[in-house]
Protein backbone atom coordinates (compact mmCIF):
# COMPACT_ATOMS: atom_id res chain seq x y z
CA MET A 1 21.28 131.13 134.43
CA LYS A 2 21.26 134.46 136.26
CA ASP A 3 18.17 136.63 136.08
CA GLY A 4 18.25 140.04 134.45
CA VAL A 5 20.88 141.73 132.31
CA ASN A 6 24.56 141.41 133.22
CA GLY A 7 25.23 145.14 132.86
CA VAL A 8 29.00 145.09 133.29
CA ALA A 9 29.53 142.24 130.85
CA LEU A 10 27.17 143.87 128.38
CA ALA A 11 29.05 147.19 128.60
CA VAL A 12 32.39 145.49 127.90
CA PHE A 13 30.82 143.53 125.03
CA ILE A 14 29.39 146.72 123.49
CA PHE A 15 32.76 148.47 123.80
CA PHE A 16 34.54 145.79 121.79
CA PHE A 17 31.67 145.51 119.32
CA VAL A 18 31.80 149.26 118.63
CA ALA A 19 35.60 149.11 118.33
CA VAL A 20 35.55 146.38 115.68
CA THR A 21 32.72 148.17 113.87
CA VAL A 22 34.91 151.26 113.55
CA ILE A 23 37.82 149.08 112.39
CA GLY A 24 35.53 147.42 109.85
CA PHE A 25 34.59 150.70 108.22
CA MET A 26 38.13 152.12 108.42
CA ALA A 27 39.43 149.01 106.63
CA ALA A 28 38.13 150.43 103.36
CA ARG A 29 41.05 152.91 103.50
CA TRP A 30 43.68 150.29 104.43
CA ARG A 31 45.90 149.30 101.47
CA LYS A 32 43.51 151.30 99.31
CA ALA A 33 43.82 150.50 95.61
CA GLU A 34 43.63 152.89 92.66
CA ASN A 35 40.85 150.80 91.10
CA GLU A 36 38.49 149.47 93.77
CA ALA A 37 35.81 148.37 91.28
CA SER A 38 37.01 144.79 90.89
CA LEU A 39 36.54 141.52 92.73
CA ASP A 40 40.30 141.28 93.14
CA GLU A 41 40.12 144.35 95.38
CA TRP A 42 36.75 144.00 97.15
CA GLY A 43 36.58 140.22 97.31
CA LEU A 44 40.28 139.29 97.67
CA GLY A 45 41.81 142.33 99.34
CA GLY A 46 43.88 143.09 96.25
CA ARG A 47 45.61 139.70 96.55
CA SER A 48 48.12 141.60 98.71
CA PHE A 49 48.22 139.97 102.16
CA GLY A 50 51.50 138.72 103.56
CA THR A 51 52.26 135.90 105.98
CA TRP A 52 50.90 137.35 109.22
CA VAL A 53 47.83 139.02 107.75
CA THR A 54 47.00 135.75 105.98
CA TRP A 55 47.64 133.77 109.18
CA PHE A 56 45.24 135.90 111.20
CA LEU A 57 42.72 135.95 108.34
CA LEU A 58 42.76 132.17 107.92
CA GLY A 59 42.67 131.69 111.68
CA GLY A 60 39.73 134.06 111.97
CA ASP A 61 38.13 132.27 109.05
CA LEU A 62 38.56 128.68 110.26
CA TYR A 63 38.38 129.04 114.06
CA THR A 64 35.01 130.64 114.52
CA ALA A 65 32.16 131.08 116.97
CA TYR A 66 31.46 127.43 116.08
CA THR A 67 34.86 126.65 117.59
CA PHE A 68 34.21 128.65 120.73
CA VAL A 69 30.64 127.48 121.33
CA ALA A 70 29.88 124.22 119.54
CA VAL A 71 33.10 122.20 120.07
CA PRO A 72 33.10 122.40 123.89
CA ALA A 73 29.28 122.16 123.76
CA ALA A 74 29.63 118.83 121.95
CA ILE A 75 32.02 117.62 124.65
CA TYR A 76 29.65 118.91 127.34
CA ALA A 77 26.85 116.84 125.80
CA ALA A 78 28.64 113.78 124.40
CA GLY A 79 32.08 113.52 125.97
CA ALA A 80 35.30 112.86 124.11
CA ALA A 81 33.48 112.24 120.83
CA GLY A 82 33.35 116.03 120.55
CA PHE A 83 37.15 116.13 120.29
CA PHE A 84 36.94 115.06 116.63
CA ALA A 85 37.63 118.69 115.70
CA VAL A 86 41.13 118.52 117.20
CA PRO A 87 42.59 115.66 115.12
CA TYR A 88 40.90 116.86 111.95
CA THR A 89 42.59 120.25 112.18
CA ILE A 90 45.90 118.42 112.63
CA LEU A 91 45.27 116.20 109.60
CA VAL A 92 44.29 119.08 107.36
CA TYR A 93 47.60 120.99 107.24
CA PRO A 94 49.80 118.35 105.57
CA LEU A 95 46.93 117.84 103.14
CA ILE A 96 46.62 121.49 102.13
CA PHE A 97 50.41 121.84 101.87
CA THR A 98 50.20 119.57 98.83
CA PHE A 99 47.55 121.43 96.85
CA LEU A 100 46.95 125.01 98.06
CA PRO A 101 50.20 126.40 96.59
CA ARG A 102 49.23 124.88 93.22
CA LEU A 103 45.77 126.46 93.44
CA TRP A 104 47.28 129.83 94.33
CA SER A 105 49.66 129.70 91.37
CA VAL A 106 47.14 128.79 88.71
CA SER A 107 44.56 131.22 90.13
CA HIS A 108 46.97 134.16 90.09
CA LYS A 109 48.20 133.27 86.60
CA HIS A 110 44.65 133.27 85.18
CA GLY A 111 42.90 135.69 87.53
CA TYR A 112 40.63 133.07 89.08
CA VAL A 113 38.62 134.39 92.03
CA THR A 114 36.73 131.21 92.99
CA THR A 115 37.20 127.45 92.90
CA SER A 116 34.53 127.31 90.20
CA ASP A 117 36.63 129.64 88.04
CA PHE A 118 39.44 127.09 88.19
CA VAL A 119 37.15 124.11 87.54
CA ARG A 120 35.65 125.83 84.48
CA GLY A 121 39.09 126.70 83.12
CA ARG A 122 40.59 123.29 83.82
CA PHE A 123 37.78 121.11 82.45
CA GLY A 124 36.10 123.51 80.01
CA SER A 125 32.72 122.87 81.63
CA LYS A 126 30.33 125.56 82.79
CA GLY A 127 28.00 122.82 84.04
CA LEU A 128 30.64 121.41 86.40
CA SER A 129 31.58 124.93 87.44
CA LEU A 130 27.92 125.66 88.22
CA ALA A 131 27.64 122.48 90.32
CA VAL A 132 30.68 123.49 92.38
CA ALA A 133 29.37 127.05 92.80
CA VAL A 134 25.87 126.01 93.90
CA THR A 135 27.33 123.48 96.33
CA GLY A 136 29.62 126.12 97.81
CA ILE A 137 26.76 128.57 98.32
CA LEU A 138 24.51 125.88 99.87
CA ALA A 139 27.24 124.67 102.21
CA THR A 140 28.15 128.19 103.29
CA MET A 141 24.66 129.31 104.31
CA PRO A 142 24.32 127.11 107.44
CA TYR A 143 27.93 127.91 108.33
CA ILE A 144 27.12 131.63 108.41
CA ALA A 145 23.97 130.84 110.39
CA LEU A 146 26.06 129.00 112.96
CA GLN A 147 28.11 132.15 113.54
CA LEU A 148 24.93 134.10 114.26
CA VAL A 149 23.86 131.35 116.66
CA GLY A 150 27.13 131.98 118.53
CA ILE A 151 26.28 135.67 118.91
CA GLN A 152 22.74 134.79 120.00
CA ALA A 153 24.05 132.37 122.66
CA VAL A 154 26.17 135.14 124.17
CA LEU A 155 23.28 137.60 124.12
CA ASP A 156 20.99 135.06 125.80
CA VAL A 157 23.45 134.45 128.65
CA MET A 158 23.90 138.20 129.20
CA GLY A 159 20.12 138.47 129.52
CA VAL A 160 19.68 140.63 126.43
CA GLY A 161 16.44 140.29 124.48
CA GLY A 162 14.04 139.27 127.23
CA GLY A 163 12.53 135.89 128.05
CA GLU A 164 10.62 133.27 126.12
CA THR A 165 7.40 135.30 126.33
CA THR A 166 9.01 138.40 124.84
CA HIS A 167 7.84 139.40 121.36
CA TRP A 168 10.14 137.88 118.74
CA PHE A 169 11.19 141.26 117.32
CA ILE A 170 12.27 142.63 120.70
CA LYS A 171 13.97 139.36 121.61
CA ASP A 172 15.95 139.20 118.35
CA LEU A 173 16.58 142.95 118.00
CA PRO A 174 20.19 142.79 119.33
CA LEU A 175 20.99 140.05 116.80
CA LEU A 176 19.36 142.10 114.04
CA ILE A 177 21.51 145.11 114.99
CA ALA A 178 24.69 143.00 114.97
CA PHE A 179 23.68 141.59 111.58
CA ALA A 180 23.03 145.07 110.16
CA VAL A 181 26.44 146.34 111.28
CA LEU A 182 28.16 143.26 109.85
CA ALA A 183 26.37 143.70 106.54
CA ALA A 184 27.25 147.40 106.35
CA TYR A 185 30.99 147.18 106.88
CA THR A 186 31.31 144.08 104.71
CA TYR A 187 29.54 145.92 101.88
CA SER A 188 31.79 148.94 102.37
CA SER A 189 35.21 147.37 102.95
CA GLY A 190 35.05 143.87 101.48
CA LEU A 191 37.69 141.37 102.61
CA ARG A 192 39.86 144.07 104.15
CA ALA A 193 37.36 144.42 107.03
CA PRO A 194 37.59 140.87 108.40
CA ALA A 195 41.35 140.86 107.71
CA LEU A 196 41.85 143.78 110.10
CA ILE A 197 39.26 142.66 112.66
CA ALA A 198 40.86 139.20 112.78
CA PHE A 199 43.79 140.71 114.69
CA VAL A 200 41.45 141.82 117.48
CA LYS A 201 39.41 138.60 117.37
CA ASP A 202 42.36 136.22 117.62
CA GLY A 203 44.05 138.31 120.29
CA LEU A 204 40.93 138.19 122.46
CA ILE A 205 40.44 134.46 121.93
CA TYR A 206 44.02 133.62 122.89
CA LEU A 207 43.72 135.85 125.96
CA VAL A 208 40.43 134.29 127.10
CA ILE A 209 41.64 130.71 126.61
CA ALA A 210 44.94 131.40 128.40
CA VAL A 211 43.07 132.81 131.38
CA ALA A 212 40.33 130.15 131.32
CA ILE A 213 42.70 127.19 131.19
CA ILE A 214 44.49 128.45 134.33
CA TYR A 215 41.84 130.33 136.30
CA ILE A 216 38.86 127.97 136.02
CA PRO A 217 40.74 124.76 137.02
CA ILE A 218 42.10 126.58 140.09
CA LYS A 219 38.54 127.48 141.12
CA LEU A 220 37.32 123.93 140.47
CA GLY A 221 40.10 122.13 142.37
CA GLY A 222 42.37 121.19 139.48
CA PHE A 223 42.11 118.98 136.41
CA ASP A 224 41.97 115.79 138.50
CA ASP A 225 38.69 116.93 140.04
CA ILE A 226 37.39 118.20 136.68
CA PHE A 227 37.94 114.85 134.94
CA ALA A 228 36.63 112.89 137.94
CA LYS A 229 33.40 114.90 138.07
CA ALA A 230 32.96 114.69 134.30
CA GLY A 231 33.53 110.93 134.40
CA GLU A 232 30.91 110.55 137.14
CA ALA A 233 28.41 112.65 135.19
CA PHE A 234 28.85 110.59 132.02
CA SER A 235 28.67 107.31 133.94
CA ALA A 236 25.34 108.35 135.43
CA LYS A 237 24.08 109.47 132.03
CA ASN A 238 25.13 106.21 130.40
CA GLU A 239 23.52 104.09 133.13
CA ALA A 240 20.28 106.01 132.63
CA ALA A 241 20.47 105.34 128.90
CA GLY A 242 21.21 101.66 129.51
CA LYS A 243 24.31 101.58 127.34
CA PRO A 244 27.78 103.21 127.14
CA VAL A 245 26.84 106.15 124.92
CA SER A 246 29.96 108.24 125.52
CA GLY A 247 32.32 109.47 128.19
CA LEU A 248 35.86 110.61 128.78
CA VAL A 249 36.95 108.31 125.93
CA PRO A 250 34.89 107.32 122.87
CA GLY A 251 33.09 104.01 123.29
CA GLU A 252 33.94 101.08 121.05
CA MET A 253 30.74 101.59 119.06
CA GLY A 254 31.66 105.21 118.38
CA GLN A 255 35.23 104.76 117.17
CA TRP A 256 34.39 104.37 113.48
CA GLY A 257 32.16 107.42 113.66
CA TYR A 258 34.86 109.43 115.42
CA ALA A 259 37.59 108.48 112.93
CA THR A 260 35.49 108.93 109.77
CA LEU A 261 34.09 112.25 110.98
CA ALA A 262 37.60 113.55 111.72
CA LEU A 263 38.96 112.39 108.34
CA GLY A 264 35.94 113.60 106.36
CA SER A 265 35.99 116.99 108.08
CA ALA A 266 39.72 117.34 107.33
CA LEU A 267 39.12 116.65 103.63
CA ALA A 268 36.21 119.12 103.54
CA LEU A 269 37.65 122.10 105.42
CA PHE A 270 39.54 123.73 102.57
CA MET A 271 36.85 122.92 100.03
CA TYR A 272 34.71 125.66 101.62
CA PRO A 273 34.64 128.87 99.56
CA HIS A 274 35.68 131.06 102.50
CA SER A 275 38.85 129.01 103.05
CA ILE A 276 39.83 129.45 99.41
CA THR A 277 38.96 133.17 99.44
CA ALA A 278 41.32 133.76 102.36
CA THR A 279 43.99 131.67 100.62
CA LEU A 280 43.80 133.51 97.30
CA SER A 281 44.08 136.87 99.07
CA SER A 282 47.74 136.18 99.89
CA ARG A 283 50.47 137.85 97.88
CA SER A 284 52.66 134.87 97.00
CA ARG A 285 52.90 131.11 96.80
CA GLU A 286 55.46 131.13 99.62
CA VAL A 287 52.97 132.84 101.95
CA ILE A 288 50.67 129.84 101.57
CA ARG A 289 53.46 127.35 102.26
CA ARG A 290 54.54 129.24 105.39
CA ASN A 291 50.96 129.41 106.66
CA THR A 292 50.47 125.66 106.41
CA THR A 293 53.41 125.29 108.82
CA ILE A 294 52.29 127.86 111.43
CA LEU A 295 48.50 127.42 111.38
CA PRO A 296 48.74 124.28 113.59
CA LEU A 297 49.29 126.73 116.48
CA TYR A 298 45.52 127.19 116.33
CA SER A 299 45.07 123.44 116.87
CA LEU A 300 46.85 123.78 120.21
CA MET A 301 44.38 126.50 121.12
CA LEU A 302 41.51 124.29 119.98
CA GLY A 303 42.59 121.40 122.19
CA LEU A 304 42.64 123.67 125.24
CA LEU A 305 39.31 125.19 124.26
CA ALA A 306 37.69 121.77 123.99
CA LEU A 307 38.51 121.10 127.66
CA LEU A 308 36.03 123.82 128.60
CA GLY A 309 33.27 121.29 127.94
CA PHE A 310 34.51 119.12 130.82
CA MET A 311 34.93 122.21 132.99
CA ALA A 312 31.29 123.16 132.39
CA ILE A 313 30.22 119.73 133.65
CA ALA A 314 32.49 119.95 136.71
CA ALA A 315 31.20 123.46 137.46
CA GLY A 316 27.62 122.17 137.52
CA VAL A 317 26.45 124.22 134.52
CA LYS A 318 22.90 123.19 133.63
CA VAL A 319 21.41 124.39 130.36
CA ASP A 320 18.71 123.00 128.08
CA ASN A 321 20.58 124.21 124.99
CA GLY A 322 24.15 122.89 124.90
CA GLN A 323 25.21 125.93 122.83
CA LEU A 324 24.79 128.03 126.01
CA ALA A 325 27.07 125.85 128.16
CA ILE A 326 30.34 127.73 127.61
CA PRO A 327 28.91 131.27 127.73
CA GLN A 328 27.16 130.25 130.96
CA LEU A 329 30.41 128.81 132.32
CA PHE A 330 32.15 132.12 131.67
CA GLU A 331 29.41 134.10 133.39
CA ASN A 332 29.44 131.78 136.41
CA MET A 333 33.21 131.58 136.84
CA PHE A 334 34.65 134.93 135.69
CA PRO A 335 34.26 138.41 137.17
CA ALA A 336 31.60 140.29 135.21
CA TRP A 337 34.11 142.48 133.39
CA PHE A 338 36.18 139.55 132.14
CA ALA A 339 33.03 137.62 131.23
CA GLY A 340 32.32 140.58 128.96
CA VAL A 341 35.76 140.16 127.34
CA ALA A 342 35.03 136.45 126.80
CA PHE A 343 31.63 137.21 125.32
CA ALA A 344 33.20 139.80 123.02
CA ALA A 345 35.72 137.17 121.85
CA ILE A 346 32.85 134.87 120.90
CA GLY A 347 30.87 137.66 119.24
CA ILE A 348 33.81 138.93 117.19
CA GLY A 349 34.71 135.31 116.50
CA ALA A 350 31.38 135.15 114.71
CA LEU A 351 31.64 138.43 112.80
CA VAL A 352 34.98 137.72 111.10
CA PRO A 353 34.11 134.37 109.48
CA ALA A 354 30.55 135.45 108.71
CA ALA A 355 31.94 138.37 106.70
CA ILE A 356 34.42 136.18 104.80
CA MET A 357 31.80 133.50 104.14
CA SER A 358 29.29 135.98 102.74
CA ILE A 359 31.97 137.48 100.47
CA ALA A 360 33.00 134.03 99.24
CA ALA A 361 29.42 132.96 98.51
CA ALA A 362 28.75 136.26 96.72
CA ASN A 363 31.87 135.84 94.57
CA LEU A 364 30.68 132.37 93.53
CA PHE A 365 27.30 133.71 92.47
CA THR A 366 28.77 136.67 90.62
CA ARG A 367 31.53 134.90 88.73
CA ASN A 368 29.98 131.50 88.11
CA ILE A 369 26.25 132.16 87.84
CA TYR A 370 25.73 135.85 86.99
CA LYS A 371 28.71 136.26 84.64
CA ASP A 372 28.67 132.76 83.15
CA PHE A 373 24.93 132.45 82.55
CA ILE A 374 23.19 135.84 82.94
CA LYS A 375 25.54 138.61 81.77
CA PRO A 376 28.70 137.25 80.13
CA ASP A 377 29.87 140.78 79.17
CA ALA A 378 29.68 142.11 82.75
CA THR A 379 32.42 144.63 83.50
CA PRO A 380 34.62 144.35 86.63
CA ALA A 381 32.66 147.24 88.16
CA GLN A 382 29.35 145.46 87.52
CA GLU A 383 30.75 142.23 88.99
CA THR A 384 31.79 144.05 92.14
CA LYS A 385 28.40 145.74 92.53
CA VAL A 386 26.54 142.44 92.11
CA SER A 387 28.84 140.69 94.56
CA LYS A 388 28.28 143.38 97.17
CA LEU A 389 24.51 143.07 96.83
CA VAL A 390 24.56 139.26 96.90
CA SER A 391 26.69 139.32 100.06
CA LEU A 392 23.78 141.15 101.71
CA PHE A 393 21.22 138.61 100.46
CA VAL A 394 23.38 135.73 101.72
CA LYS A 395 23.45 137.25 105.20
CA VAL A 396 19.69 137.79 105.13
CA GLY A 397 19.20 134.13 104.23
CA ALA A 398 21.48 133.02 107.06
CA LEU A 399 19.65 135.29 109.48
CA ALA A 400 16.28 133.86 108.44
CA PHE A 401 17.77 130.40 108.92
CA VAL A 402 18.78 131.28 112.49
CA LEU A 403 15.49 132.91 113.45
CA THR A 404 13.38 129.96 112.27
CA MET A 405 15.45 126.87 113.11
CA ASP A 406 15.93 124.90 116.33
CA LYS A 407 19.12 126.31 117.87
CA THR A 408 20.03 123.03 119.58
CA VAL A 409 20.75 121.35 116.25
CA ALA A 410 22.74 124.16 114.63
CA ILE A 411 25.88 122.04 114.46
CA ASN A 412 24.04 119.33 112.50
CA PHE A 413 23.11 121.80 109.78
CA GLN A 414 26.73 122.85 109.50
CA LEU A 415 27.78 119.20 109.33
CA LEU A 416 25.25 118.73 106.51
CA GLY A 417 27.08 121.50 104.68
CA GLY A 418 30.29 119.53 105.22
CA ILE A 419 28.69 116.50 103.54
CA TRP A 420 27.84 118.64 100.52
CA ILE A 421 31.10 120.54 100.14
CA LEU A 422 33.17 117.36 100.33
CA GLN A 423 31.62 116.28 97.03
CA THR A 424 33.50 119.06 95.20
CA MET A 425 36.91 117.64 96.14
CA PRO A 426 37.37 115.32 93.11
CA ALA A 427 36.90 118.24 90.70
CA LEU A 428 39.00 120.75 92.64
CA VAL A 429 41.89 118.77 94.11
CA GLY A 430 41.83 116.12 91.40
CA GLY A 431 41.96 118.84 88.76
CA LEU A 432 45.01 120.42 90.36
CA PHE A 433 47.06 117.26 89.71
CA THR A 434 45.53 115.57 86.65
CA ARG A 435 43.35 116.21 83.64
CA TRP A 436 42.46 112.51 83.39
CA PHE A 437 39.05 112.78 85.06
CA HIS A 438 36.29 113.42 82.53
CA ARG A 439 34.09 116.45 83.13
CA TRP A 440 30.85 114.46 82.69
CA ALA A 441 32.11 111.79 85.09
CA LEU A 442 32.87 114.49 87.66
CA ILE A 443 29.33 115.87 87.33
CA ALA A 444 27.83 112.38 87.70
CA GLY A 445 30.01 111.60 90.74
CA TRP A 446 29.07 114.93 92.33
CA ALA A 447 25.36 114.21 91.77
CA VAL A 448 25.60 110.73 93.30
CA GLY A 449 27.50 112.01 96.33
CA MET A 450 25.08 114.89 96.88
CA LEU A 451 22.02 112.69 96.51
CA TYR A 452 23.27 109.91 98.77
CA GLY A 453 24.59 112.31 101.41
CA THR A 454 21.38 114.35 101.56
CA VAL A 455 19.02 111.35 101.62
CA ALA A 456 21.13 109.53 104.22
CA ALA A 457 21.30 112.61 106.46
CA TYR A 458 17.54 113.14 106.06
CA GLY A 459 16.97 109.66 107.46
CA VAL A 460 18.97 110.27 110.65
CA ALA A 461 16.74 110.93 113.66
CA SER A 462 17.65 112.31 117.08
CA PRO A 463 15.72 112.79 120.32
CA THR A 464 14.82 116.32 119.23
CA GLN A 465 14.07 115.89 115.51
CA LYS A 466 12.91 113.27 113.04
CA HIS A 467 15.18 114.28 110.18
CA PHE A 468 18.73 115.66 109.81
CA GLY A 469 19.38 114.66 113.41
CA GLY A 470 23.07 113.89 112.85
CA SER A 471 25.76 113.19 110.28
CA SER A 472 26.56 109.51 110.99
CA LYS A 473 24.89 106.38 109.69
CA GLU A 474 25.69 102.75 108.98
CA ILE A 475 28.27 102.41 106.21
CA PRO A 476 26.89 100.13 103.43
CA GLY A 477 28.81 96.88 103.17
CA ILE A 478 30.76 97.43 106.39
CA GLY A 479 28.03 97.66 108.99
CA GLU A 480 29.85 100.20 111.19
CA ILE A 481 28.46 103.63 112.00
CA GLY A 482 30.45 106.27 110.10
CA TYR A 483 30.38 109.81 108.75
CA ILE A 484 27.87 110.10 105.92
CA GLY A 485 30.00 112.66 104.07
CA LEU A 486 32.95 110.30 103.76
CA THR A 487 30.74 107.46 102.52
CA ALA A 488 29.19 109.80 99.94
CA PHE A 489 32.68 110.94 98.91
CA VAL A 490 33.82 107.34 98.33
CA LEU A 491 30.75 106.69 96.17
CA ASN A 492 31.48 109.93 94.32
CA VAL A 493 35.07 108.88 93.54
CA VAL A 494 34.03 105.38 92.44
CA VAL A 495 31.50 106.83 89.99
CA VAL A 496 34.05 109.35 88.66
CA VAL A 497 36.73 106.72 88.06
CA VAL A 498 34.41 104.16 86.42
CA LEU A 499 32.67 106.69 84.16
CA THR A 500 35.98 108.30 83.20
CA PHE A 501 37.21 104.94 81.90
CA VAL A 502 33.96 104.51 79.95
CA LEU A 503 33.80 108.05 78.55
CA ASN A 504 37.45 108.10 77.57
CA ALA A 505 37.00 104.76 75.81
CA LEU A 506 34.03 106.23 73.93
CA LYS A 507 36.13 109.32 73.09
CA ALA A 508 33.52 111.67 74.58
CA PRO A 509 34.53 115.35 74.19
CA ALA A 510 36.68 116.30 77.17
CA GLY A 511 36.46 120.09 77.01
CA ILE A 512 39.26 122.62 76.57
CA ASP A 513 41.90 123.02 79.28
CA GLU A 514 43.02 126.65 79.38
CA THR A 515 45.84 125.95 81.85
CA SER A 516 49.35 124.62 81.24
CA PRO A 517 51.69 122.59 83.52
CA SER A 518 53.88 125.60 84.33
CA ASP A 519 50.84 127.51 85.67
CA TYR A 520 50.69 125.27 88.74
CA THR A 521 54.14 126.24 90.01
CA ALA A 522 54.14 129.91 88.93
CA ASP A 523 54.99 132.52 91.55
CA VAL A 524 55.14 136.29 91.83
CA GLY A 525 57.75 137.61 89.41
CA ASP A 526 57.19 134.84 86.86
CA PRO A 527 55.97 135.91 83.40
CA GLY A 528 52.24 136.54 83.42
CA VAL A 529 51.98 136.65 87.23
CA GLN A 530 51.74 140.24 88.42
CA GLU A 531 52.95 141.05 91.91
CA LYS A 532 50.34 142.82 94.01
CA LEU A 533 52.12 145.09 96.48
CA PRO A 534 50.05 147.37 98.71
CA PRO A 535 50.99 150.98 99.28
CA ALA A 536 52.85 151.71 102.50
CA THR A 537 50.38 152.30 105.33
CA VAL A 538 51.65 153.78 108.58
CA GLY A 539 50.39 151.92 111.60
CA ALA A 540 48.70 149.11 109.67
CA PRO A 541 49.36 145.52 110.76
CA GLY A 542 52.35 144.11 108.91
CA GLY A 543 52.05 141.46 106.27
CA HIS A 544 55.70 140.53 105.91
């Protein structure tokens, strides 16, 4: 790592950061509604986004600083096992094509803002709704923290904040400033801010990857040399460990873990509150269907991005914290000015999803905890005010998480969130297709999955920590190492099915379903589904 501050890169980074800050505050005036005091407007952008706005918003939401930093960092540290993120993003799109349009339809028909709103309406259970809401908030917190880790990695490589002996406040001051700006424009503009900034973020990321995938291999002698050097590095590492830990292809012992992690992550991705928030912000059912067909373009980008991990090895990048590998690669290989562009792409790639995640978590608290259990007669204006305040508290919690945790294991905390959020799938996706599952069985299955997943993850050790050191463990009854979240999900489903048979046989009260079959295929223009069209805005990005 170079000594001192990289002044040129820092200046370029600050330029882009200031630009997106201005955009974030100006977004409050974009597609401005007559009545802004509602969660539909602040938390869902007026449910008015068209195909391209939704595409950029979902892309900015799903392909984050985690993508830019942690995926190639995992490949840098563990080889091809880190590529699990590529197949899981391919698997996820056919999956969501089957259920997201149904969720959009029923949510627009009944005014649902969160997944918990739907679960409560479908199963007539505030308890099940509360379980889904709490899980969503818990799973989102480490995900937001991971975005802040991405910003911190960039700042560290640029030399901002001082060394290890620097006072913690001075060292973390740049991150605190970035956090404060993020909190301010999210509070002011709601979902419109990340929707607009996503255009800048995705444009920068595509530019950086296009340049990196051509420029860096030329400097390193081509992909043949890159793969050869990476293979040699992993061979030496494996010999030192005394066993084939990883490499350019997953070892035989890691194949179950690779496959189950990819499948489990695919099932979990659109259970996250921020994914649903971006989905419900679209203006029609057809927008969702079109997006499931064009979002795989991001998977192509992700595959190219993952190769940067091998490039970092071939370039001789040496870092103690794997999260710094790609920022350090950029600083070593690019001219200072373009390194600044790359760092800005990572930084903005953290701001967009962090904003959406905090909004989604705040909406869950407001609608499914505050309104359901604290103030049932809350007005739309009161809901919006509470959601704005909670979005600030969520960011503070994520910031505290970042400042106190070991940065090298940030990805494991996010993977723990994936274990948790996957346990909401039976209630959400199952409820979109059938009312057969009993609400009490769903609660019991959720509890079993959460308990098993958390305890199993707690028992996983790594060289750097005694607990929560990973997300894979031996699968009971099979003996192979697999993703804990998928095992917990299977246990969850088994409990739900068995108890549903029992409870239905006992004629236990099933709760009132406020939806009807036609709600799940309703679209804009149908009776009871109001079309949300934004006012014409000159110069604003198109949503058609």
